[in-house]
Amino acid sequence: MSSSPTPSRPDQGPPPTDKGKMAIAAVLLAIPIVALLWVPSYAKADPELFGFPFFFWYQFLWVFICSALTWTAYKLTLSARGKTTHEAGEER
């Protein structure tokens, strides 16, 4: 069995990164942390939604908000790093 040698590539260092996009991604990830650690803002029963106190539906709403913010931060991070080359056989 012979395998073709993998072409060597010179060490080019890390790819250029857009620091502005990375900062925005960091802010997007910090928003739910700050919002949920600020307990006095949502530690109340009123207003109710479908019989659920505000405390519960507010936290449940953050599940979806946090998912959207995390996905957006992920896409921004990919965009900030730009296109990178991958060798054959590496997963992307």
PDB file of N, CA and C in Angstrom:
ATOM      1  N   MET A   1       0.840  -1.175   0.000  1.00  0.00           N
ATOM      2  CA  MET A   1       0.000   0.000   0.000  1.00  0.00           C
ATOM      3  C   MET A   1       0.882   1.233   0.000  1.00  0.00           C
ATOM      4  N   SER A   2       0.690   2.042  -0.967  1.00  0.00           N
ATOM      5  CA  SER A   2       1.462   3.275  -0.957  1.00  0.00           C
ATOM      6  C   SER A   2       0.502   4.436  -0.848  1.00  0.00           C
ATOM      7  N   SER A   3       0.865   5.361  -0.047  1.00  0.00           N
ATOM      8  CA  SER A   3       0.036   6.554   0.079  1.00  0.00           C
ATOM      9  C   SER A   3       0.829   7.736  -0.442  1.00  0.00           C
ATOM     10  N   SER A   4       0.129   8.601  -1.086  1.00  0.00           N
ATOM     11  CA  SER A   4       0.827   9.765  -1.631  1.00  0.00           C
ATOM     12  C   SER A   4       1.222  10.682  -0.481  1.00  0.00           C
ATOM     13  N   PRO A   5       2.398  11.220  -0.571  1.00  0.00           N
ATOM     14  CA  PRO A   5       2.829  12.107   0.504  1.00  0.00           C
ATOM     15  C   PRO A   5       1.998  13.386   0.498  1.00  0.00           C
ATOM     16  N   THR A   6       1.732  13.880   1.689  1.00  0.00           N
ATOM     17  CA  THR A   6       0.973  15.117   1.769  1.00  0.00           C
ATOM     18  C   THR A   6       1.907  16.278   1.461  1.00  0.00           C
ATOM     19  N   PRO A   7       1.446  17.167   0.639  1.00  0.00           N
ATOM     20  CA  PRO A   7       2.319  18.291   0.291  1.00  0.00           C
ATOM     21  C   PRO A   7       2.585  19.146   1.520  1.00  0.00           C
ATOM     22  N   SER A   8       3.831  19.530   1.668  1.00  0.00           N
ATOM     23  CA  SER A   8       4.155  20.367   2.819  1.00  0.00           C
ATOM     24  C   SER A   8       3.833  21.806   2.478  1.00  0.00           C
ATOM     25  N   ARG A   9       3.348  22.506   3.460  1.00  0.00           N
ATOM     26  CA  ARG A   9       3.062  23.918   3.245  1.00  0.00           C
ATOM     27  C   ARG A   9       3.856  24.718   4.266  1.00  0.00           C
ATOM     28  N   PRO A  10       4.362  25.820   3.864  1.00  0.00           N
ATOM     29  CA  PRO A  10       5.145  26.619   4.794  1.00  0.00           C
ATOM     30  C   PRO A  10       4.258  27.155   5.911  1.00  0.00           C
ATOM     31  N   ASP A  11       4.867  27.322   7.065  1.00  0.00           N
ATOM     32  CA  ASP A  11       4.124  27.848   8.199  1.00  0.00           C
ATOM     33  C   ASP A  11       3.801  29.312   7.932  1.00  0.00           C
ATOM     34  N   GLN A  12       2.530  29.584   7.779  1.00  0.00           N
ATOM     35  CA  GLN A  12       2.110  30.941   7.450  1.00  0.00           C
ATOM     36  C   GLN A  12       1.581  31.682   8.668  1.00  0.00           C
ATOM     37  N   GLY A  13       1.548  31.039   9.809  1.00  0.00           N
ATOM     38  CA  GLY A  13       0.995  31.676  10.988  1.00  0.00           C
ATOM     39  C   GLY A  13      -0.523  31.657  10.954  1.00  0.00           C
ATOM     40  N   PRO A  14      -1.125  32.269  11.938  1.00  0.00           N
ATOM     41  CA  PRO A  14      -2.591  32.277  11.971  1.00  0.00           C
ATOM     42  C   PRO A  14      -3.157  33.149  10.858  1.00  0.00           C
ATOM     43  N   PRO A  15      -4.348  32.798  10.384  1.00  0.00           N
ATOM     44  CA  PRO A  15      -4.955  33.611   9.331  1.00  0.00           C
ATOM     45  C   PRO A  15      -5.322  34.986   9.864  1.00  0.00           C
ATOM     46  N   PRO A  16      -5.373  35.973   8.989  1.00  0.00           N
ATOM     47  CA  PRO A  16      -5.759  37.313   9.448  1.00  0.00           C
ATOM     48  C   PRO A  16      -7.186  37.293   9.983  1.00  0.00           C
ATOM     49  N   THR A  17      -7.416  38.038  11.045  1.00  0.00           N
ATOM     50  CA  THR A  17      -8.720  38.050  11.693  1.00  0.00           C
ATOM     51  C   THR A  17      -9.228  39.479  11.792  1.00  0.00           C
ATOM     52  N   ASP A  18     -10.502  39.647  11.473  1.00  0.00           N
ATOM     53  CA  ASP A  18     -11.146  40.952  11.604  1.00  0.00           C
ATOM     54  C   ASP A  18     -11.520  41.147  13.074  1.00  0.00           C
ATOM     55  N   LYS A  19     -10.761  41.979  13.761  1.00  0.00           N
ATOM     56  CA  LYS A  19     -10.944  42.168  15.201  1.00  0.00           C
ATOM     57  C   LYS A  19     -12.280  42.831  15.542  1.00  0.00           C
ATOM     58  N   GLY A  20     -12.799  43.654  14.651  1.00  0.00           N
ATOM     59  CA  GLY A  20     -14.093  44.284  14.887  1.00  0.00           C
ATOM     60  C   GLY A  20     -15.222  43.266  14.952  1.00  0.00           C
ATOM     61  N   LYS A  21     -15.211  42.319  14.010  1.00  0.00           N
ATOM     62  CA  LYS A  21     -16.245  41.274  14.009  1.00  0.00           C
ATOM     63  C   LYS A  21     -16.107  40.371  15.237  1.00  0.00           C
ATOM     64  N   MET A  22     -14.872  40.098  15.638  1.00  0.00           N
ATOM     65  CA  MET A  22     -14.663  39.267  16.817  1.00  0.00           C
ATOM     66  C   MET A  22     -15.164  39.982  18.078  1.00  0.00           C
ATOM     67  N   ALA A  23     -14.996  41.290  18.140  1.00  0.00           N
ATOM     68  CA  ALA A  23     -15.490  42.064  19.280  1.00  0.00           C
ATOM     69  C   ALA A  23     -17.018  42.041  19.325  1.00  0.00           C
ATOM     70  N   ILE A  24     -17.648  42.167  18.159  1.00  0.00           N
ATOM     71  CA  ILE A  24     -19.108  42.104  18.105  1.00  0.00           C
ATOM     72  C   ILE A  24     -19.591  40.725  18.550  1.00  0.00           C
ATOM     73  N   ALA A  25     -18.897  39.676  18.112  1.00  0.00           N
ATOM     74  CA  ALA A  25     -19.264  38.317  18.521  1.00  0.00           C
ATOM     75  C   ALA A  25     -19.150  38.164  20.033  1.00  0.00           C
ATOM     76  N   ALA A  26     -18.109  38.741  20.624  1.00  0.00           N
ATOM     77  CA  ALA A  26     -17.935  38.663  22.084  1.00  0.00           C
ATOM     78  C   ALA A  26     -19.063  39.385  22.812  1.00  0.00           C
ATOM     79  N   VAL A  27     -19.474  40.529  22.282  1.00  0.00           N
ATOM     80  CA  VAL A  27     -20.581  41.273  22.896  1.00  0.00           C
ATOM     81  C   VAL A  27     -21.872  40.467  22.790  1.00  0.00           C
ATOM     82  N   LEU A  28     -22.098  39.835  21.640  1.00  0.00           N
ATOM     83  CA  LEU A  28     -23.313  39.020  21.468  1.00  0.00           C
ATOM     84  C   LEU A  28     -23.347  37.865  22.464  1.00  0.00           C
ATOM     85  N   LEU A  29     -22.193  37.283  22.765  1.00  0.00           N
ATOM     86  CA  LEU A  29     -22.146  36.186  23.729  1.00  0.00           C
ATOM     87  C   LEU A  29     -22.277  36.685  25.165  1.00  0.00           C
ATOM     88  N   ALA A  30     -21.915  37.928  25.415  1.00  0.00           N
ATOM     89  CA  ALA A  30     -21.999  38.482  26.769  1.00  0.00           C
ATOM     90  C   ALA A  30     -23.414  38.949  27.123  1.00  0.00           C
ATOM     91  N   ILE A  31     -24.218  39.276  26.124  1.00  0.00           N
ATOM     92  CA  ILE A  31     -25.565  39.804  26.380  1.00  0.00           C
ATOM     93  C   ILE A  31     -26.404  38.862  27.245  1.00  0.00           C
ATOM     94  N   PRO A  32     -26.537  37.564  26.907  1.00  0.00           N
ATOM     95  CA  PRO A  32     -27.365  36.709  27.761  1.00  0.00           C
ATOM     96  C   PRO A  32     -26.779  36.509  29.152  1.00  0.00           C
ATOM     97  N   ILE A  33     -25.466  36.533  29.267  1.00  0.00           N
ATOM     98  CA  ILE A  33     -24.849  36.368  30.581  1.00  0.00           C
ATOM     99  C   ILE A  33     -25.238  37.535  31.478  1.00  0.00           C
ATOM    100  N   VAL A  34     -25.103  38.739  30.962  1.00  0.00           N
ATOM    101  CA  VAL A  34     -25.443  39.923  31.749  1.00  0.00           C
ATOM    102  C   VAL A  34     -26.942  39.954  32.044  1.00  0.00           C
ATOM    103  N   ALA A  35     -27.752  39.678  31.042  1.00  0.00           N
ATOM    104  CA  ALA A  35     -29.205  39.744  31.219  1.00  0.00           C
ATOM    105  C   ALA A  35     -29.703  38.745  32.262  1.00  0.00           C
ATOM    106  N   LEU A  36     -29.140  37.553  32.272  1.00  0.00           N
ATOM    107  CA  LEU A  36     -29.621  36.531  33.206  1.00  0.00           C
ATOM    108  C   LEU A  36     -28.970  36.626  34.583  1.00  0.00           C
ATOM    109  N   LEU A  37     -27.825  37.268  34.685  1.00  0.00           N
ATOM    110  CA  LEU A  37     -27.218  37.477  36.001  1.00  0.00           C
ATOM    111  C   LEU A  37     -27.823  38.683  36.719  1.00  0.00           C
ATOM    112  N   TRP A  38     -28.520  39.547  35.999  1.00  0.00           N
ATOM    113  CA  TRP A  38     -29.179  40.692  36.592  1.00  0.00           C
ATOM    114  C   TRP A  38     -30.576  40.264  37.059  1.00  0.00           C
ATOM    115  N   VAL A  39     -30.604  39.459  38.115  1.00  0.00           N
ATOM    116  CA  VAL A  39     -31.827  38.820  38.606  1.00  0.00           C
ATOM    117  C   VAL A  39     -32.912  39.812  39.026  1.00  0.00           C
ATOM    118  N   PRO A  40     -32.598  40.923  39.689  1.00  0.00           N
ATOM    119  CA  PRO A  40     -33.695  41.820  40.089  1.00  0.00           C
ATOM    120  C   PRO A  40     -34.548  42.328  38.923  1.00  0.00           C
ATOM    121  N   SER A  41     -34.016  42.287  37.713  1.00  0.00           N
ATOM    122  CA  SER A  41     -34.803  42.761  36.572  1.00  0.00           C
ATOM    123  C   SER A  41     -35.950  41.820  36.211  1.00  0.00           C
ATOM    124  N   TYR A  42     -35.859  40.558  36.602  1.00  0.00           N
ATOM    125  CA  TYR A  42     -36.927  39.618  36.234  1.00  0.00           C
ATOM    126  C   TYR A  42     -37.434  38.783  37.409  1.00  0.00           C
ATOM    127  N   ALA A  43     -37.042  39.085  38.617  1.00  0.00           N
ATOM    128  CA  ALA A  43     -37.491  38.326  39.790  1.00  0.00           C
ATOM    129  C   ALA A  43     -38.834  38.866  40.270  1.00  0.00           C
ATOM    130  N   LYS A  44     -39.856  38.645  39.470  1.00  0.00           N
ATOM    131  CA  LYS A  44     -41.198  39.100  39.816  1.00  0.00           C
ATOM    132  C   LYS A  44     -42.219  38.161  39.193  1.00  0.00           C
ATOM    133  N   ALA A  45     -43.426  38.239  39.683  1.00  0.00           N
ATOM    134  CA  ALA A  45     -44.475  37.337  39.192  1.00  0.00           C
ATOM    135  C   ALA A  45     -45.277  37.943  38.053  1.00  0.00           C
ATOM    136  N   ASP A  46     -45.423  39.257  38.060  1.00  0.00           N
ATOM    137  CA  ASP A  46     -46.241  39.906  37.029  1.00  0.00           C
ATOM    138  C   ASP A  46     -45.368  40.512  35.960  1.00  0.00           C
ATOM    139  N   PRO A  47     -45.755  40.550  34.730  1.00  0.00           N
ATOM    140  CA  PRO A  47     -47.005  40.082  34.159  1.00  0.00           C
ATOM    141  C   PRO A  47     -46.969  38.582  33.877  1.00  0.00           C
ATOM    142  N   GLU A  48     -48.116  37.982  33.918  1.00  0.00           N
ATOM    143  CA  GLU A  48     -48.231  36.556  33.617  1.00  0.00           C
ATOM    144  C   GLU A  48     -48.493  36.375  32.128  1.00  0.00           C
ATOM    145  N   LEU A  49     -48.036  35.244  31.612  1.00  0.00           N
ATOM    146  CA  LEU A  49     -48.273  34.893  30.217  1.00  0.00           C
ATOM    147  C   LEU A  49     -48.796  33.461  30.194  1.00  0.00           C
ATOM    148  N   PHE A  50     -50.034  33.276  29.794  1.00  0.00           N
ATOM    149  CA  PHE A  50     -50.702  31.965  29.785  1.00  0.00           C
ATOM    150  C   PHE A  50     -50.634  31.298  31.163  1.00  0.00           C
ATOM    151  N   GLY A  51     -50.733  32.095  32.210  1.00  0.00           N
ATOM    152  CA  GLY A  51     -50.726  31.569  33.568  1.00  0.00           C
ATOM    153  C   GLY A  51     -49.338  31.368  34.159  1.00  0.00           C
ATOM    154  N   PHE A  52     -48.301  31.595  33.376  1.00  0.00           N
ATOM    155  CA  PHE A  52     -46.936  31.446  33.876  1.00  0.00           C
ATOM    156  C   PHE A  52     -46.423  32.793  34.374  1.00  0.00           C
ATOM    157  N   PRO A  53     -45.827  32.808  35.562  1.00  0.00           N
ATOM    158  CA  PRO A  53     -45.258  34.061  36.066  1.00  0.00           C
ATOM    159  C   PRO A  53     -44.135  34.553  35.155  1.00  0.00           C
ATOM    160  N   PHE A  54     -43.902  35.850  35.181  1.00  0.00           N
ATOM    161  CA  PHE A  54     -42.878  36.492  34.356  1.00  0.00           C
ATOM    162  C   PHE A  54     -41.528  35.818  34.516  1.00  0.00           C
ATOM    163  N   PHE A  55     -41.174  35.464  35.750  1.00  0.00           N
ATOM    164  CA  PHE A  55     -39.881  34.855  36.036  1.00  0.00           C
ATOM    165  C   PHE A  55     -39.607  33.648  35.138  1.00  0.00           C
ATOM    166  N   PHE A  56     -40.608  32.793  34.965  1.00  0.00           N
ATOM    167  CA  PHE A  56     -40.403  31.573  34.189  1.00  0.00           C
ATOM    168  C   PHE A  56     -40.391  31.825  32.686  1.00  0.00           C
ATOM    169  N   TRP A  57     -41.363  32.572  32.167  1.00  0.00           N
ATOM    170  CA  TRP A  57     -41.394  32.744  30.713  1.00  0.00           C
ATOM    171  C   TRP A  57     -40.281  33.647  30.217  1.00  0.00           C
ATOM    172  N   TYR A  58     -39.791  34.546  31.066  1.00  0.00           N
ATOM    173  CA  TYR A  58     -38.656  35.380  30.689  1.00  0.00           C
ATOM    174  C   TYR A  58     -37.410  34.522  30.495  1.00  0.00           C
ATOM    175  N   GLN A  59     -37.153  33.614  31.431  1.00  0.00           N
ATOM    176  CA  GLN A  59     -35.985  32.738  31.306  1.00  0.00           C
ATOM    177  C   GLN A  59     -36.128  31.788  30.123  1.00  0.00           C
ATOM    178  N   PHE A  60     -37.329  31.285  29.891  1.00  0.00           N
ATOM    179  CA  PHE A  60     -37.545  30.389  28.757  1.00  0.00           C
ATOM    180  C   PHE A  60     -37.357  31.126  27.434  1.00  0.00           C
ATOM    181  N   LEU A  61     -37.763  32.373  27.376  1.00  0.00           N
ATOM    182  CA  LEU A  61     -37.560  33.176  26.181  1.00  0.00           C
ATOM    183  C   LEU A  61     -36.071  33.329  25.875  1.00  0.00           C
ATOM    184  N   TRP A  62     -35.254  33.415  26.921  1.00  0.00           N
ATOM    185  CA  TRP A  62     -33.809  33.566  26.717  1.00  0.00           C
ATOM    186  C   TRP A  62     -33.171  32.318  26.116  1.00  0.00           C
ATOM    187  N   VAL A  63     -33.808  31.180  26.210  1.00  0.00           N
ATOM    188  CA  VAL A  63     -33.290  29.979  25.549  1.00  0.00           C
ATOM    189  C   VAL A  63     -33.210  30.228  24.041  1.00  0.00           C
ATOM    190  N   PHE A  64     -34.258  30.798  23.475  1.00  0.00           N
ATOM    191  CA  PHE A  64     -34.300  31.059  22.043  1.00  0.00           C
ATOM    192  C   PHE A  64     -33.417  32.252  21.662  1.00  0.00           C
ATOM    193  N   ILE A  65     -33.444  33.284  22.499  1.00  0.00           N
ATOM    194  CA  ILE A  65     -32.602  34.460  22.231  1.00  0.00           C
ATOM    195  C   ILE A  65     -31.125  34.069  22.272  1.00  0.00           C
ATOM    196  N   CYS A  66     -30.759  33.278  23.267  1.00  0.00           N
ATOM    197  CA  CYS A  66     -29.362  32.854  23.410  1.00  0.00           C
ATOM    198  C   CYS A  66     -28.923  31.989  22.226  1.00  0.00           C
ATOM    199  N   SER A  67     -29.813  31.143  21.756  1.00  0.00           N
ATOM    200  CA  SER A  67     -29.493  30.324  20.580  1.00  0.00           C
ATOM    201  C   SER A  67     -29.233  31.193  19.362  1.00  0.00           C
ATOM    202  N   ALA A  68     -30.064  32.181  19.159  1.00  0.00           N
ATOM    203  CA  ALA A  68     -29.902  33.084  18.012  1.00  0.00           C
ATOM    204  C   ALA A  68     -28.614  33.896  18.131  1.00  0.00           C
ATOM    205  N   LEU A  69     -28.320  34.381  19.326  1.00  0.00           N
ATOM    206  CA  LEU A  69     -27.104  35.161  19.526  1.00  0.00           C
ATOM    207  C   LEU A  69     -25.855  34.301  19.355  1.00  0.00           C
ATOM    208  N   THR A  70     -25.896  33.074  19.832  1.00  0.00           N
ATOM    209  CA  THR A  70     -24.753  32.176  19.690  1.00  0.00           C
ATOM    210  C   THR A  70     -24.516  31.834  18.220  1.00  0.00           C
ATOM    211  N   TRP A  71     -25.582  31.550  17.471  1.00  0.00           N
ATOM    212  CA  TRP A  71     -25.447  31.253  16.044  1.00  0.00           C
ATOM    213  C   TRP A  71     -24.875  32.455  15.298  1.00  0.00           C
ATOM    214  N   THR A  72     -25.372  33.643  15.626  1.00  0.00           N
ATOM    215  CA  THR A  72     -24.885  34.863  14.974  1.00  0.00           C
ATOM    216  C   THR A  72     -23.407  35.088  15.294  1.00  0.00           C
ATOM    217  N   ALA A  73     -23.021  34.873  16.546  1.00  0.00           N
ATOM    218  CA  ALA A  73     -21.612  35.025  16.935  1.00  0.00           C
ATOM    219  C   ALA A  73     -20.741  34.010  16.202  1.00  0.00           C
ATOM    220  N   TYR A  74     -21.246  32.798  16.035  1.00  0.00           N
ATOM    221  CA  TYR A  74     -20.505  31.759  15.302  1.00  0.00           C
ATOM    222  C   TYR A  74     -20.279  32.187  13.845  1.00  0.00           C
ATOM    223  N   LYS A  75     -21.338  32.665  13.202  1.00  0.00           N
ATOM    224  CA  LYS A  75     -21.218  33.104  11.809  1.00  0.00           C
ATOM    225  C   LYS A  75     -20.273  34.300  11.690  1.00  0.00           C
ATOM    226  N   LEU A  76     -20.332  35.213  12.636  1.00  0.00           N
ATOM    227  CA  LEU A  76     -19.419  36.356  12.628  1.00  0.00           C
ATOM    228  C   LEU A  76     -17.969  35.912  12.798  1.00  0.00           C
ATOM    229  N   THR A  77     -17.761  34.930  13.660  1.00  0.00           N
ATOM    230  CA  THR A  77     -16.410  34.414  13.878  1.00  0.00           C
ATOM    231  C   THR A  77     -15.871  33.768  12.605  1.00  0.00           C
ATOM    232  N   LEU A  78     -16.698  32.987  11.936  1.00  0.00           N
ATOM    233  CA  LEU A  78     -16.269  32.382  10.672  1.00  0.00           C
ATOM    234  C   LEU A  78     -15.949  33.458   9.647  1.00  0.00           C
ATOM    235  N   SER A  79     -16.790  34.476   9.593  1.00  0.00           N
ATOM    236  CA  SER A  79     -16.574  35.560   8.650  1.00  0.00           C
ATOM    237  C   SER A  79     -15.314  36.354   8.994  1.00  0.00           C
ATOM    238  N   ALA A  80     -15.057  36.547  10.267  1.00  0.00           N
ATOM    239  CA  ALA A  80     -13.895  37.329  10.706  1.00  0.00           C
ATOM    240  C   ALA A  80     -12.590  36.622  10.382  1.00  0.00           C
ATOM    241  N   ARG A  81     -12.617  35.313  10.406  1.00  0.00           N
ATOM    242  CA  ARG A  81     -11.395  34.554  10.130  1.00  0.00           C
ATOM    243  C   ARG A  81     -11.133  34.415   8.639  1.00  0.00           C
ATOM    244  N   GLY A  82     -12.123  34.667   7.827  1.00  0.00           N
ATOM    245  CA  GLY A  82     -11.943  34.581   6.385  1.00  0.00           C
ATOM    246  C   GLY A  82     -11.837  33.152   5.918  1.00  0.00           C
ATOM    247  N   LYS A  83     -11.487  32.992   4.673  1.00  0.00           N
ATOM    248  CA  LYS A  83     -11.353  31.655   4.101  1.00  0.00           C
ATOM    249  C   LYS A  83      -9.995  31.098   4.468  1.00  0.00           C
ATOM    250  N   THR A  84     -10.003  29.862   4.902  1.00  0.00           N
ATOM    251  CA  THR A  84      -8.755  29.170   5.201  1.00  0.00           C
ATOM    252  C   THR A  84      -8.654  27.971   4.285  1.00  0.00           C
ATOM    253  N   THR A  85      -7.455  27.549   4.021  1.00  0.00           N
ATOM    254  CA  THR A  85      -7.268  26.379   3.167  1.00  0.00           C
ATOM    255  C   THR A  85      -7.194  25.140   4.036  1.00  0.00           C
ATOM    256  N   HIS A  86      -7.733  24.074   3.534  1.00  0.00           N
ATOM    257  CA  HIS A  86      -7.697  22.795   4.229  1.00  0.00           C
ATOM    258  C   HIS A  86      -7.039  21.782   3.305  1.00  0.00           C
ATOM    259  N   GLU A  87      -6.225  20.957   3.899  1.00  0.00           N
ATOM    260  CA  GLU A  87      -5.587  19.910   3.098  1.00  0.00           C
ATOM    261  C   GLU A  87      -6.564  18.785   2.856  1.00  0.00           C
ATOM    262  N   ALA A  88      -6.272  17.973   1.858  1.00  0.00           N
ATOM    263  CA  ALA A  88      -7.146  16.860   1.525  1.00  0.00           C
ATOM    264  C   ALA A  88      -7.268  15.923   2.728  1.00  0.00           C
ATOM    265  N   GLY A  89      -8.471  15.509   2.985  1.00  0.00           N
ATOM    266  CA  GLY A  89      -8.704  14.578   4.077  1.00  0.00           C
ATOM    267  C   GLY A  89      -9.077  15.273   5.377  1.00  0.00           C
ATOM    268  N   GLU A  90      -8.853  16.540   5.492  1.00  0.00           N
ATOM    269  CA  GLU A  90      -9.237  17.254   6.710  1.00  0.00           C
ATOM    270  C   GLU A  90     -10.702  17.635   6.613  1.00  0.00           C
ATOM    271  N   GLU A  91     -11.369  17.535   7.745  1.00  0.00           N
ATOM    272  CA  GLU A  91     -12.748  17.946   7.764  1.00  0.00           C
ATOM    273  C   GLU A  91     -12.817  19.456   7.919  1.00  0.00           C
ATOM    274  N   ARG A  92     -13.860  19.977   7.410  1.00  0.00           N
ATOM    275  CA  ARG A  92     -14.027  21.420   7.474  1.00  0.00           C
ATOM    276  C   ARG A  92     -14.987  21.818   8.521  1.00  0.00           C
TER     277      ARG A  92
END
